[in-house]
Amino acid sequence: MWLQRVLLAGTVAAVLAGCSSVPYAPRQAQREAAYAAAAGAPVTSFRFFAPLWSWEPLGTDEVVVYTKPKEAWLLDVPGCNELPFATAIGLTSNLNQVSIRFDKVLTGRNDFPCTITRIRPVDVAKLKAVQQEQRTIQVQPRRS
């Protein structure tokens, strides 16, 4: 009886995990495309006064940090495997300046810091416009 419950629970968990991952991949690709479209040319550093306003992981290789409500930066952090699972992040800086190849994204107490290899400013107004375009509304006339 115990084995049947364990097998049933495992099967239910596998089915639910499979169902939840179906819409996630296209949604993640849309988010990455929106940020890439709104990102500017790479820069070598940006001014950062703690604390972070907000942040959003884009897979294991990119993270968006908002230093102010209308100021965002797209950071490339290749191979930062813990980034999608982090509940909080930190940034290293030197004299309130975050620089490529020197500063890092911190994802947790026991994880290795992730080196920032590229920084791109994000035009937040353009990002909002791109995200608005990505929303699709299907309109169908009512049957009388």
N, C-alpha and C. Protein backbone atom coordinates (compact mmCIF):
# COMPACT_ATOMS: atom_id res chain seq x y z
N MET A 1 0.82 -1.19 0.00
CA MET A 1 0.00 0.00 0.00
C MET A 1 0.86 1.26 0.00
N TRP A 2 1.94 1.26 0.82
CA TRP A 2 2.83 2.41 0.91
C TRP A 2 3.51 2.66 -0.44
N LEU A 3 3.96 1.60 -1.11
CA LEU A 3 4.63 1.73 -2.40
C LEU A 3 3.69 2.30 -3.45
N GLN A 4 2.42 1.90 -3.43
CA GLN A 4 1.45 2.43 -4.38
C GLN A 4 1.27 3.93 -4.18
N ARG A 5 1.21 4.39 -2.96
CA ARG A 5 1.06 5.83 -2.68
C ARG A 5 2.28 6.61 -3.17
N VAL A 6 3.46 6.06 -2.95
CA VAL A 6 4.68 6.73 -3.39
C VAL A 6 4.71 6.81 -4.92
N LEU A 7 4.37 5.72 -5.58
CA LEU A 7 4.34 5.72 -7.05
C LEU A 7 3.28 6.68 -7.58
N LEU A 8 2.12 6.71 -6.96
CA LEU A 8 1.06 7.63 -7.38
C LEU A 8 1.49 9.07 -7.19
N ALA A 9 2.10 9.37 -6.05
CA ALA A 9 2.57 10.72 -5.78
C ALA A 9 3.65 11.13 -6.79
N GLY A 10 4.55 10.22 -7.11
CA GLY A 10 5.59 10.51 -8.10
C GLY A 10 5.02 10.75 -9.48
N THR A 11 4.04 9.96 -9.87
CA THR A 11 3.39 10.14 -11.16
C THR A 11 2.67 11.47 -11.24
N VAL A 12 1.93 11.81 -10.19
CA VAL A 12 1.22 13.10 -10.17
C VAL A 12 2.20 14.25 -10.24
N ALA A 13 3.30 14.16 -9.49
CA ALA A 13 4.30 15.23 -9.51
C ALA A 13 4.92 15.38 -10.91
N ALA A 14 5.20 14.26 -11.57
CA ALA A 14 5.78 14.32 -12.91
C ALA A 14 4.81 14.93 -13.91
N VAL A 15 3.55 14.56 -13.82
CA VAL A 15 2.54 15.11 -14.74
C VAL A 15 2.37 16.61 -14.51
N LEU A 16 2.29 17.02 -13.26
CA LEU A 16 2.15 18.45 -12.97
C LEU A 16 3.38 19.24 -13.39
N ALA A 17 4.55 18.69 -13.20
CA ALA A 17 5.77 19.38 -13.62
C ALA A 17 5.82 19.51 -15.14
N GLY A 18 5.39 18.48 -15.84
CA GLY A 18 5.35 18.55 -17.30
C GLY A 18 4.36 19.57 -17.80
N CYS A 19 3.22 19.65 -17.16
CA CYS A 19 2.20 20.62 -17.57
C CYS A 19 2.64 22.05 -17.30
N SER A 20 3.29 22.29 -16.17
CA SER A 20 3.66 23.65 -15.83
C SER A 20 4.81 24.16 -16.68
N SER A 21 5.64 23.28 -17.23
CA SER A 21 6.77 23.75 -18.02
C SER A 21 6.39 24.06 -19.46
N VAL A 22 5.25 23.64 -19.92
CA VAL A 22 4.86 23.89 -21.31
C VAL A 22 4.72 25.37 -21.60
N PRO A 23 3.94 26.15 -20.83
CA PRO A 23 3.82 27.56 -21.17
C PRO A 23 5.01 28.39 -20.72
N TYR A 24 5.85 27.87 -19.85
CA TYR A 24 6.96 28.65 -19.31
C TYR A 24 8.01 28.98 -20.38
N ALA A 25 8.38 28.03 -21.21
CA ALA A 25 9.44 28.25 -22.19
C ALA A 25 9.11 29.39 -23.17
N PRO A 26 7.93 29.42 -23.78
CA PRO A 26 7.62 30.55 -24.66
C PRO A 26 7.56 31.88 -23.91
N ARG A 27 7.05 31.85 -22.70
CA ARG A 27 6.98 33.08 -21.90
C ARG A 27 8.38 33.58 -21.55
N GLN A 28 9.28 32.69 -21.21
CA GLN A 28 10.67 33.05 -20.90
C GLN A 28 11.36 33.61 -22.14
N ALA A 29 11.14 33.00 -23.29
CA ALA A 29 11.74 33.49 -24.53
C ALA A 29 11.22 34.88 -24.86
N GLN A 30 9.94 35.14 -24.61
CA GLN A 30 9.37 36.47 -24.84
C GLN A 30 10.01 37.51 -23.93
N ARG A 31 10.20 37.17 -22.67
CA ARG A 31 10.84 38.11 -21.73
C ARG A 31 12.26 38.43 -22.16
N GLU A 32 13.02 37.39 -22.55
CA GLU A 32 14.39 37.60 -22.99
C GLU A 32 14.43 38.46 -24.24
N ALA A 33 13.52 38.22 -25.18
CA ALA A 33 13.47 39.02 -26.41
C ALA A 33 13.11 40.47 -26.12
N ALA A 34 12.20 40.70 -25.20
CA ALA A 34 11.80 42.07 -24.85
C ALA A 34 12.97 42.83 -24.25
N TYR A 35 13.70 42.21 -23.33
CA TYR A 35 14.85 42.88 -22.73
C TYR A 35 15.96 43.08 -23.75
N ALA A 36 16.20 42.12 -24.64
CA ALA A 36 17.23 42.27 -25.67
C ALA A 36 16.88 43.42 -26.62
N ALA A 37 15.59 43.57 -26.96
CA ALA A 37 15.17 44.65 -27.84
C ALA A 37 15.32 46.02 -27.19
N ALA A 38 15.15 46.08 -25.88
CA ALA A 38 15.22 47.36 -25.17
C ALA A 38 16.63 47.69 -24.67
N ALA A 39 17.55 46.74 -24.77
CA ALA A 39 18.91 46.95 -24.27
C ALA A 39 19.72 47.78 -25.26
N GLY A 40 20.53 48.66 -24.72
CA GLY A 40 21.38 49.51 -25.54
C GLY A 40 22.75 48.88 -25.78
N ALA A 41 23.67 49.71 -26.23
CA ALA A 41 25.04 49.26 -26.50
C ALA A 41 25.76 48.97 -25.18
N PRO A 42 26.67 48.01 -25.19
CA PRO A 42 27.38 47.66 -23.96
C PRO A 42 28.19 48.84 -23.40
N VAL A 43 28.23 48.90 -22.09
CA VAL A 43 29.04 49.90 -21.37
C VAL A 43 29.97 49.15 -20.43
N THR A 44 30.97 49.84 -19.91
CA THR A 44 31.94 49.16 -19.05
C THR A 44 31.55 49.20 -17.58
N SER A 45 30.67 50.16 -17.19
CA SER A 45 30.28 50.24 -15.78
C SER A 45 29.03 51.10 -15.62
N PHE A 46 28.46 51.06 -14.42
CA PHE A 46 27.34 51.94 -14.07
C PHE A 46 27.40 52.27 -12.59
N ARG A 47 26.79 53.40 -12.23
CA ARG A 47 26.75 53.83 -10.84
C ARG A 47 25.68 53.04 -10.10
N PHE A 48 26.02 52.61 -8.89
CA PHE A 48 25.09 51.81 -8.11
C PHE A 48 25.14 52.23 -6.65
N PHE A 49 24.00 52.69 -6.16
CA PHE A 49 23.87 53.02 -4.75
C PHE A 49 22.86 52.04 -4.16
N ALA A 50 23.31 51.24 -3.21
CA ALA A 50 22.45 50.20 -2.62
C ALA A 50 21.27 50.86 -1.93
N PRO A 51 20.17 50.20 -1.78
CA PRO A 51 19.86 48.83 -2.20
C PRO A 51 19.31 48.79 -3.62
N LEU A 52 19.26 47.57 -4.17
CA LEU A 52 18.64 47.37 -5.48
C LEU A 52 17.15 47.67 -5.38
N TRP A 53 16.61 48.25 -6.42
CA TRP A 53 15.16 48.49 -6.45
C TRP A 53 14.45 47.17 -6.73
N SER A 54 14.95 46.42 -7.74
CA SER A 54 14.34 45.15 -8.12
C SER A 54 15.33 44.39 -9.00
N TRP A 55 15.02 43.14 -9.27
CA TRP A 55 15.85 42.34 -10.17
C TRP A 55 15.00 41.22 -10.75
N GLU A 56 15.45 40.72 -11.90
CA GLU A 56 14.73 39.64 -12.58
C GLU A 56 15.73 38.74 -13.30
N PRO A 57 15.77 37.44 -12.97
CA PRO A 57 16.67 36.54 -13.68
C PRO A 57 16.11 36.20 -15.06
N LEU A 58 17.00 36.10 -16.03
CA LEU A 58 16.62 35.66 -17.38
C LEU A 58 17.43 34.41 -17.71
N GLY A 59 17.15 33.33 -17.03
CA GLY A 59 17.90 32.09 -17.23
C GLY A 59 19.16 32.09 -16.37
N THR A 60 20.15 31.31 -16.80
CA THR A 60 21.39 31.19 -16.03
C THR A 60 22.49 32.11 -16.52
N ASP A 61 22.23 32.86 -17.59
CA ASP A 61 23.28 33.69 -18.17
C ASP A 61 23.02 35.19 -18.13
N GLU A 62 21.83 35.61 -17.75
CA GLU A 62 21.52 37.04 -17.73
C GLU A 62 20.63 37.37 -16.54
N VAL A 63 20.79 38.58 -16.05
CA VAL A 63 19.93 39.09 -14.99
C VAL A 63 19.72 40.59 -15.26
N VAL A 64 18.53 41.06 -14.98
CA VAL A 64 18.22 42.47 -15.10
C VAL A 64 18.14 43.03 -13.69
N VAL A 65 18.87 44.11 -13.44
CA VAL A 65 18.80 44.76 -12.14
C VAL A 65 18.26 46.17 -12.33
N TYR A 66 17.30 46.51 -11.49
CA TYR A 66 16.74 47.85 -11.48
C TYR A 66 17.37 48.61 -10.32
N THR A 67 18.13 49.65 -10.64
CA THR A 67 18.75 50.45 -9.59
C THR A 67 17.80 51.55 -9.13
N LYS A 68 16.88 51.93 -9.98
CA LYS A 68 15.81 52.89 -9.69
C LYS A 68 14.57 52.38 -10.44
N PRO A 69 13.39 52.92 -10.15
CA PRO A 69 12.19 52.44 -10.85
C PRO A 69 12.27 52.55 -12.38
N LYS A 70 12.99 53.55 -12.88
CA LYS A 70 13.07 53.74 -14.33
C LYS A 70 14.50 53.62 -14.85
N GLU A 71 15.34 52.89 -14.12
CA GLU A 71 16.72 52.68 -14.54
C GLU A 71 17.07 51.21 -14.36
N ALA A 72 17.34 50.53 -15.47
CA ALA A 72 17.63 49.09 -15.42
C ALA A 72 18.88 48.78 -16.22
N TRP A 73 19.52 47.69 -15.85
CA TRP A 73 20.75 47.24 -16.50
C TRP A 73 20.64 45.74 -16.77
N LEU A 74 20.99 45.33 -17.98
CA LEU A 74 21.01 43.91 -18.35
C LEU A 74 22.44 43.42 -18.18
N LEU A 75 22.64 42.49 -17.26
CA LEU A 75 23.97 41.98 -16.95
C LEU A 75 24.13 40.57 -17.48
N ASP A 76 25.21 40.34 -18.20
CA ASP A 76 25.55 38.99 -18.64
C ASP A 76 26.44 38.35 -17.59
N VAL A 77 26.00 37.20 -17.08
CA VAL A 77 26.73 36.45 -16.06
C VAL A 77 26.75 34.98 -16.48
N PRO A 78 27.59 34.61 -17.45
CA PRO A 78 27.57 33.25 -17.98
C PRO A 78 27.79 32.19 -16.92
N GLY A 79 26.96 31.14 -16.99
CA GLY A 79 27.12 29.99 -16.11
C GLY A 79 26.73 30.23 -14.67
N CYS A 80 25.86 31.17 -14.42
CA CYS A 80 25.41 31.45 -13.06
C CYS A 80 24.22 30.53 -12.76
N ASN A 81 24.50 29.27 -12.49
CA ASN A 81 23.48 28.23 -12.40
C ASN A 81 22.46 28.44 -11.29
N GLU A 82 22.83 29.10 -10.22
CA GLU A 82 21.91 29.29 -9.10
C GLU A 82 21.00 30.50 -9.28
N LEU A 83 21.25 31.30 -10.30
CA LEU A 83 20.50 32.54 -10.49
C LEU A 83 18.99 32.34 -10.61
N PRO A 84 18.48 31.38 -11.40
CA PRO A 84 17.03 31.22 -11.49
C PRO A 84 16.36 30.80 -10.18
N PHE A 85 17.13 30.26 -9.25
CA PHE A 85 16.56 29.75 -8.01
C PHE A 85 16.83 30.66 -6.81
N ALA A 86 17.55 31.74 -7.03
CA ALA A 86 17.91 32.64 -5.93
C ALA A 86 16.69 33.42 -5.44
N THR A 87 16.59 33.60 -4.16
CA THR A 87 15.51 34.40 -3.59
C THR A 87 15.94 35.84 -3.38
N ALA A 88 17.23 36.09 -3.42
CA ALA A 88 17.77 37.43 -3.31
C ALA A 88 19.15 37.43 -3.96
N ILE A 89 19.57 38.58 -4.47
CA ILE A 89 20.91 38.68 -5.04
C ILE A 89 21.58 39.92 -4.46
N GLY A 90 22.87 39.99 -4.67
CA GLY A 90 23.65 41.16 -4.29
C GLY A 90 24.62 41.48 -5.41
N LEU A 91 25.11 42.71 -5.42
CA LEU A 91 26.10 43.13 -6.39
C LEU A 91 27.32 43.65 -5.65
N THR A 92 28.49 43.28 -6.13
CA THR A 92 29.69 43.90 -5.59
C THR A 92 29.90 45.20 -6.34
N SER A 93 30.58 46.14 -5.71
CA SER A 93 30.89 47.41 -6.37
C SER A 93 32.12 48.01 -5.71
N ASN A 94 32.75 48.92 -6.41
CA ASN A 94 33.91 49.61 -5.89
C ASN A 94 33.63 51.10 -6.01
N LEU A 95 33.52 51.78 -4.89
CA LEU A 95 33.19 53.21 -4.86
C LEU A 95 31.90 53.50 -5.61
N ASN A 96 30.87 52.66 -5.36
CA ASN A 96 29.54 52.79 -5.97
C ASN A 96 29.56 52.65 -7.49
N GLN A 97 30.51 51.91 -8.01
CA GLN A 97 30.63 51.68 -9.45
C GLN A 97 30.69 50.16 -9.69
N VAL A 98 29.79 49.64 -10.53
CA VAL A 98 29.79 48.23 -10.91
C VAL A 98 30.45 48.13 -12.28
N SER A 99 31.49 47.32 -12.39
CA SER A 99 32.28 47.24 -13.62
C SER A 99 32.32 45.81 -14.15
N ILE A 100 32.49 45.70 -15.48
CA ILE A 100 32.59 44.38 -16.10
C ILE A 100 33.92 43.74 -15.72
N ARG A 101 33.94 42.41 -15.73
CA ARG A 101 35.10 41.57 -15.45
C ARG A 101 35.72 41.79 -14.07
N PHE A 102 35.15 42.68 -13.26
CA PHE A 102 35.69 42.92 -11.93
C PHE A 102 34.63 42.62 -10.86
N ASP A 103 33.44 43.13 -11.07
CA ASP A 103 32.38 42.95 -10.10
C ASP A 103 31.56 41.71 -10.39
N LYS A 104 30.79 41.30 -9.36
CA LYS A 104 30.10 40.02 -9.42
C LYS A 104 28.67 40.13 -8.92
N VAL A 105 27.85 39.15 -9.33
CA VAL A 105 26.50 38.99 -8.80
C VAL A 105 26.58 37.87 -7.77
N LEU A 106 26.07 38.15 -6.58
CA LEU A 106 26.08 37.17 -5.49
C LEU A 106 24.70 36.56 -5.38
N THR A 107 24.63 35.22 -5.41
CA THR A 107 23.32 34.55 -5.40
C THR A 107 23.01 33.82 -4.10
N GLY A 108 23.97 33.65 -3.25
CA GLY A 108 23.69 32.93 -2.01
C GLY A 108 24.92 32.76 -1.17
N ARG A 109 24.70 32.24 0.01
CA ARG A 109 25.77 32.10 0.98
C ARG A 109 26.82 31.08 0.55
N ASN A 110 26.41 29.96 -0.03
CA ASN A 110 27.35 28.88 -0.35
C ASN A 110 27.71 28.80 -1.83
N ASP A 111 27.25 29.74 -2.63
CA ASP A 111 27.49 29.67 -4.07
C ASP A 111 28.66 30.58 -4.47
N PHE A 112 29.30 30.20 -5.57
CA PHE A 112 30.37 31.02 -6.10
C PHE A 112 29.77 32.29 -6.71
N PRO A 113 30.43 33.43 -6.57
CA PRO A 113 29.93 34.65 -7.21
C PRO A 113 30.02 34.53 -8.72
N CYS A 114 29.11 35.19 -9.41
CA CYS A 114 29.05 35.15 -10.87
C CYS A 114 29.64 36.43 -11.44
N THR A 115 30.68 36.31 -12.25
CA THR A 115 31.37 37.47 -12.80
C THR A 115 30.53 38.12 -13.90
N ILE A 116 30.44 39.44 -13.85
CA ILE A 116 29.69 40.21 -14.86
C ILE A 116 30.60 40.41 -16.07
N THR A 117 30.18 39.89 -17.23
CA THR A 117 31.01 40.00 -18.43
C THR A 117 30.53 41.09 -19.40
N ARG A 118 29.28 41.51 -19.26
CA ARG A 118 28.77 42.58 -20.13
C ARG A 118 27.64 43.30 -19.41
N ILE A 119 27.60 44.61 -19.61
CA ILE A 119 26.55 45.45 -19.02
C ILE A 119 25.92 46.24 -20.15
N ARG A 120 24.57 46.19 -20.23
CA ARG A 120 23.85 46.99 -21.21
C ARG A 120 22.74 47.76 -20.52
N PRO A 121 22.62 49.06 -20.79
CA PRO A 121 21.51 49.80 -20.20
C PRO A 121 20.20 49.40 -20.86
N VAL A 122 19.12 49.37 -20.09
CA VAL A 122 17.81 49.01 -20.62
C VAL A 122 16.95 50.28 -20.65
N ASP A 123 16.40 50.56 -21.82
CA ASP A 123 15.46 51.66 -21.97
C ASP A 123 14.11 51.15 -21.47
N VAL A 124 13.75 51.55 -20.25
CA VAL A 124 12.57 50.99 -19.59
C VAL A 124 11.29 51.37 -20.35
N ALA A 125 11.23 52.58 -20.90
CA ALA A 125 10.05 52.98 -21.67
C ALA A 125 9.90 52.11 -22.93
N LYS A 126 11.01 51.84 -23.59
CA LYS A 126 10.98 50.97 -24.78
C LYS A 126 10.61 49.54 -24.38
N LEU A 127 11.10 49.09 -23.23
CA LEU A 127 10.77 47.76 -22.73
C LEU A 127 9.27 47.63 -22.52
N LYS A 128 8.66 48.62 -21.89
CA LYS A 128 7.22 48.58 -21.66
C LYS A 128 6.46 48.53 -22.99
N ALA A 129 6.93 49.29 -23.99
CA ALA A 129 6.28 49.27 -25.30
C ALA A 129 6.41 47.90 -25.97
N VAL A 130 7.59 47.29 -25.89
CA VAL A 130 7.80 45.96 -26.48
C VAL A 130 6.92 44.93 -25.76
N GLN A 131 6.85 45.01 -24.44
CA GLN A 131 6.02 44.07 -23.69
C GLN A 131 4.55 44.25 -24.04
N GLN A 132 4.13 45.48 -24.26
CA GLN A 132 2.74 45.74 -24.65
C GLN A 132 2.43 45.13 -26.02
N GLU A 133 3.38 45.22 -26.95
CA GLU A 133 3.21 44.64 -28.28
C GLU A 133 3.12 43.11 -28.21
N GLN A 134 3.85 42.51 -27.26
CA GLN A 134 3.87 41.05 -27.15
C GLN A 134 2.56 40.48 -26.62
N ARG A 135 1.81 41.31 -25.92
CA ARG A 135 0.52 40.83 -25.40
C ARG A 135 -0.45 40.68 -26.56
N THR A 136 -0.99 39.52 -26.68
CA THR A 136 -1.95 39.29 -27.76
C THR A 136 -3.33 39.07 -27.17
N ILE A 137 -4.28 39.72 -27.78
CA ILE A 137 -5.67 39.58 -27.36
C ILE A 137 -6.43 38.99 -28.52
N GLN A 138 -7.08 37.90 -28.28
CA GLN A 138 -7.88 37.27 -29.34
C GLN A 138 -9.32 37.70 -29.19
N VAL A 139 -9.80 38.41 -30.19
CA VAL A 139 -11.17 38.92 -30.14
C VAL A 139 -12.02 38.10 -31.09
N GLN A 140 -13.13 37.63 -30.56
CA GLN A 140 -14.08 36.88 -31.38
C GLN A 140 -15.46 37.48 -31.16
N PRO A 141 -16.24 37.63 -32.24
CA PRO A 141 -17.60 38.17 -32.05
C PRO A 141 -18.47 37.18 -31.30
N ARG A 142 -19.42 37.73 -30.57
CA ARG A 142 -20.36 36.88 -29.83
C ARG A 142 -21.38 36.27 -30.79
N ARG A 143 -21.79 35.11 -30.42
CA ARG A 143 -22.89 34.48 -31.19
C ARG A 143 -24.20 35.02 -30.65
N SER A 144 -25.09 35.37 -31.57
CA SER A 144 -26.37 35.89 -31.10
C SER A 144 -27.38 34.79 -30.86
